[in-house]
Amino acid sequence: MDDGLTQKKCIPCEVGGLALTRIEADALLAQVPGWTLNQDAKRLSRALPFADFKSALAFADRVGELAEKEGHHPVLTVAWGSLGIELWTHAVGGLSENDFIMAAKISSMIPDRQ
């Protein structure tokens, strides 16, 4: 993971702004190991395993606190033993640097066992 992304802050995006191109998204993806782009490079996601529902929910709460602090909110899917995280920027209809900032910050919170 690139410490440069974890040091940045999410900034508000303007509606109608430009989403990252696949080339730009691929370059940033290299800085957030474990994350994947969807087929059209408009969403960034990661699935995390947990020992049980309670652990997945606790981590989802931590991600929620980060999201509130950054003003950039992922879609979280909590299930027994797993947490799915999906990021994209609604205002630009795809990915922005904010999504990769959030991915890097979320990755920095993941326990080493994952």
C-alpha atoms as a PDB file:
ATOM      1  CA  MET A   1       0.000   0.000   0.000  1.00  0.00           C
ATOM      2  CA  ASP A   2       1.214   3.495  -0.814  1.00  0.00           C
ATOM      3  CA  ASP A   3       1.602   5.718   2.261  1.00  0.00           C
ATOM      4  CA  GLY A   4       1.084   8.704  -0.045  1.00  0.00           C
ATOM      5  CA  LEU A   5      -2.593   7.855  -0.480  1.00  0.00           C
ATOM      6  CA  THR A   6      -3.124   7.366   3.256  1.00  0.00           C
ATOM      7  CA  GLN A   7      -1.761  10.859   3.889  1.00  0.00           C
ATOM      8  CA  LYS A   8      -4.266  12.498   1.541  1.00  0.00           C
ATOM      9  CA  LYS A   9      -7.785  13.654   2.379  1.00  0.00           C
ATOM     10  CA  CYS A  10     -10.886  13.068   0.300  1.00  0.00           C
ATOM     11  CA  ILE A  11     -12.030  16.251  -1.363  1.00  0.00           C
ATOM     12  CA  PRO A  12     -15.530  17.004  -2.626  1.00  0.00           C
ATOM     13  CA  CYS A  13     -16.058  16.204  -6.292  1.00  0.00           C
ATOM     14  CA  GLU A  14     -18.238  18.296  -8.561  1.00  0.00           C
ATOM     15  CA  VAL A  15     -21.207  16.695 -10.241  1.00  0.00           C
ATOM     16  CA  GLY A  16     -20.321  16.194 -13.880  1.00  0.00           C
ATOM     17  CA  GLY A  17     -16.593  16.061 -13.146  1.00  0.00           C
ATOM     18  CA  LEU A  18     -14.480  13.548 -14.997  1.00  0.00           C
ATOM     19  CA  ALA A  19     -14.081  10.010 -13.718  1.00  0.00           C
ATOM     20  CA  LEU A  20     -10.664   8.397 -13.876  1.00  0.00           C
ATOM     21  CA  THR A  21      -9.807   6.596 -17.097  1.00  0.00           C
ATOM     22  CA  ARG A  22      -8.949   2.892 -16.930  1.00  0.00           C
ATOM     23  CA  ILE A  23      -5.262   3.761 -17.316  1.00  0.00           C
ATOM     24  CA  GLU A  24      -5.443   6.217 -14.400  1.00  0.00           C
ATOM     25  CA  ALA A  25      -7.428   3.736 -12.296  1.00  0.00           C
ATOM     26  CA  ASP A  26      -4.977   0.913 -13.057  1.00  0.00           C
ATOM     27  CA  ALA A  27      -2.058   3.114 -11.965  1.00  0.00           C
ATOM     28  CA  LEU A  28      -3.761   3.864  -8.638  1.00  0.00           C
ATOM     29  CA  LEU A  29      -4.889   0.246  -8.239  1.00  0.00           C
ATOM     30  CA  ALA A  30      -1.237  -0.776  -8.071  1.00  0.00           C
ATOM     31  CA  GLN A  31      -1.021   1.278  -4.855  1.00  0.00           C
ATOM     32  CA  VAL A  32      -3.844  -0.619  -3.111  1.00  0.00           C
ATOM     33  CA  PRO A  33      -3.067  -4.364  -3.184  1.00  0.00           C
ATOM     34  CA  GLY A  34      -6.033  -6.640  -2.597  1.00  0.00           C
ATOM     35  CA  TRP A  35      -8.547  -4.320  -4.277  1.00  0.00           C
ATOM     36  CA  THR A  36     -10.043  -4.981  -7.701  1.00  0.00           C
ATOM     37  CA  LEU A  37     -11.654  -2.904 -10.417  1.00  0.00           C
ATOM     38  CA  ASN A  38     -14.903  -4.006 -11.972  1.00  0.00           C
ATOM     39  CA  GLN A  39     -14.960  -4.718 -15.710  1.00  0.00           C
ATOM     40  CA  ASP A  40     -15.598  -1.133 -16.833  1.00  0.00           C
ATOM     41  CA  ALA A  41     -13.239   0.355 -14.202  1.00  0.00           C
ATOM     42  CA  LYS A  42     -16.034   2.371 -12.588  1.00  0.00           C
ATOM     43  CA  ARG A  43     -16.006   0.633  -9.188  1.00  0.00           C
ATOM     44  CA  LEU A  44     -13.357  -0.559  -6.762  1.00  0.00           C
ATOM     45  CA  SER A  45     -14.015  -3.440  -4.394  1.00  0.00           C
ATOM     46  CA  ARG A  46     -12.585  -5.806  -1.843  1.00  0.00           C
ATOM     47  CA  ALA A  47     -13.928  -8.761   0.131  1.00  0.00           C
ATOM     48  CA  LEU A  48     -12.507  -9.375   3.584  1.00  0.00           C
ATOM     49  CA  PRO A  49     -12.823 -12.613   5.560  1.00  0.00           C
ATOM     50  CA  PHE A  50     -13.626 -12.546   9.277  1.00  0.00           C
ATOM     51  CA  ALA A  51     -13.990 -15.226  11.938  1.00  0.00           C
ATOM     52  CA  ASP A  52     -17.661 -14.426  12.513  1.00  0.00           C
ATOM     53  CA  PHE A  53     -20.436 -11.878  12.006  1.00  0.00           C
ATOM     54  CA  LYS A  54     -19.526  -9.820  15.072  1.00  0.00           C
ATOM     55  CA  SER A  55     -15.950  -9.276  13.839  1.00  0.00           C
ATOM     56  CA  ALA A  56     -17.119  -8.291  10.354  1.00  0.00           C
ATOM     57  CA  LEU A  57     -19.655  -5.874  11.845  1.00  0.00           C
ATOM     58  CA  ALA A  58     -17.056  -4.327  14.166  1.00  0.00           C
ATOM     59  CA  PHE A  59     -14.727  -3.678  11.221  1.00  0.00           C
ATOM     60  CA  ALA A  60     -17.632  -2.273   9.194  1.00  0.00           C
ATOM     61  CA  ASP A  61     -18.252   0.168  12.060  1.00  0.00           C
ATOM     62  CA  ARG A  62     -14.610   1.284  11.898  1.00  0.00           C
ATOM     63  CA  VAL A  63     -14.916   1.791   8.133  1.00  0.00           C
ATOM     64  CA  GLY A  64     -18.089   3.794   8.772  1.00  0.00           C
ATOM     65  CA  GLU A  65     -16.251   6.081  11.190  1.00  0.00           C
ATOM     66  CA  LEU A  66     -13.537   6.656   8.582  1.00  0.00           C
ATOM     67  CA  ALA A  67     -16.173   7.330   5.912  1.00  0.00           C
ATOM     68  CA  GLU A  68     -17.804   9.988   8.080  1.00  0.00           C
ATOM     69  CA  LYS A  69     -14.438  11.609   8.767  1.00  0.00           C
ATOM     70  CA  GLU A  70     -13.508  11.640   5.068  1.00  0.00           C
ATOM     71  CA  GLY A  71     -16.974  12.474   3.747  1.00  0.00           C
ATOM     72  CA  HIS A  72     -16.735   9.596   1.272  1.00  0.00           C
ATOM     73  CA  HIS A  73     -18.975   6.601   1.860  1.00  0.00           C
ATOM     74  CA  PRO A  74     -18.533   3.049   0.540  1.00  0.00           C
ATOM     75  CA  VAL A  75     -21.187   0.412   0.147  1.00  0.00           C
ATOM     76  CA  LEU A  76     -20.637  -2.155   2.896  1.00  0.00           C
ATOM     77  CA  THR A  77     -22.093  -5.657   2.787  1.00  0.00           C
ATOM     78  CA  VAL A  78     -21.801  -7.426   6.136  1.00  0.00           C
ATOM     79  CA  ALA A  79     -22.381 -11.167   6.313  1.00  0.00           C
ATOM     80  CA  TRP A  80     -21.332 -13.966   8.604  1.00  0.00           C
ATOM     81  CA  GLY A  81     -17.579 -14.223   8.173  1.00  0.00           C
ATOM     82  CA  SER A  82     -17.164 -11.522   5.535  1.00  0.00           C
ATOM     83  CA  LEU A  83     -17.319  -7.851   4.710  1.00  0.00           C
ATOM     84  CA  GLY A  84     -17.687  -6.618   1.145  1.00  0.00           C
ATOM     85  CA  ILE A  85     -16.577  -3.060   0.394  1.00  0.00           C
ATOM     86  CA  GLU A  86     -17.381  -1.204  -2.821  1.00  0.00           C
ATOM     87  CA  LEU A  87     -16.241   2.299  -3.671  1.00  0.00           C
ATOM     88  CA  TRP A  88     -17.099   4.749  -6.444  1.00  0.00           C
ATOM     89  CA  THR A  89     -17.814   8.442  -6.728  1.00  0.00           C
ATOM     90  CA  HIS A  90     -21.444   9.155  -7.545  1.00  0.00           C
ATOM     91  CA  ALA A  91     -20.727  12.759  -8.588  1.00  0.00           C
ATOM     92  CA  VAL A  92     -18.455  11.673 -11.448  1.00  0.00           C
ATOM     93  CA  GLY A  93     -20.215   8.428 -12.340  1.00  0.00           C
ATOM     94  CA  GLY A  94     -17.114   6.331 -11.776  1.00  0.00           C
ATOM     95  CA  LEU A  95     -13.881   6.393  -9.862  1.00  0.00           C
ATOM     96  CA  SER A  96     -12.018   9.380  -8.474  1.00  0.00           C
ATOM     97  CA  GLU A  97      -8.815   9.606  -6.478  1.00  0.00           C
ATOM     98  CA  ASN A  98     -11.035   9.721  -3.357  1.00  0.00           C
ATOM     99  CA  ASP A  99     -11.947   6.078  -3.891  1.00  0.00           C
ATOM    100  CA  PHE A 100      -8.309   5.050  -3.849  1.00  0.00           C
ATOM    101  CA  ILE A 101      -7.599   7.236  -0.821  1.00  0.00           C
ATOM    102  CA  MET A 102     -10.409   5.459   1.015  1.00  0.00           C
ATOM    103  CA  ALA A 103      -9.184   2.048  -0.180  1.00  0.00           C
ATOM    104  CA  ALA A 104      -5.676   2.788   1.098  1.00  0.00           C
ATOM    105  CA  LYS A 105      -6.967   4.019   4.447  1.00  0.00           C
ATOM    106  CA  ILE A 106      -9.272   1.015   4.837  1.00  0.00           C
ATOM    107  CA  SER A 107      -6.383  -1.308   3.949  1.00  0.00           C
ATOM    108  CA  SER A 108      -4.227   0.297   6.625  1.00  0.00           C
ATOM    109  CA  MET A 109      -6.858  -0.698   9.221  1.00  0.00           C
ATOM    110  CA  ILE A 110      -7.030  -4.386   8.188  1.00  0.00           C
ATOM    111  CA  PRO A 111      -5.496  -6.760  10.722  1.00  0.00           C
ATOM    112  CA  ASP A 112      -2.352  -8.489   9.438  1.00  0.00           C
ATOM    113  CA  ARG A 113      -4.113 -11.865   9.306  1.00  0.00           C
ATOM    114  CA  GLN A 114      -5.985 -10.778   6.188  1.00  0.00           C
END
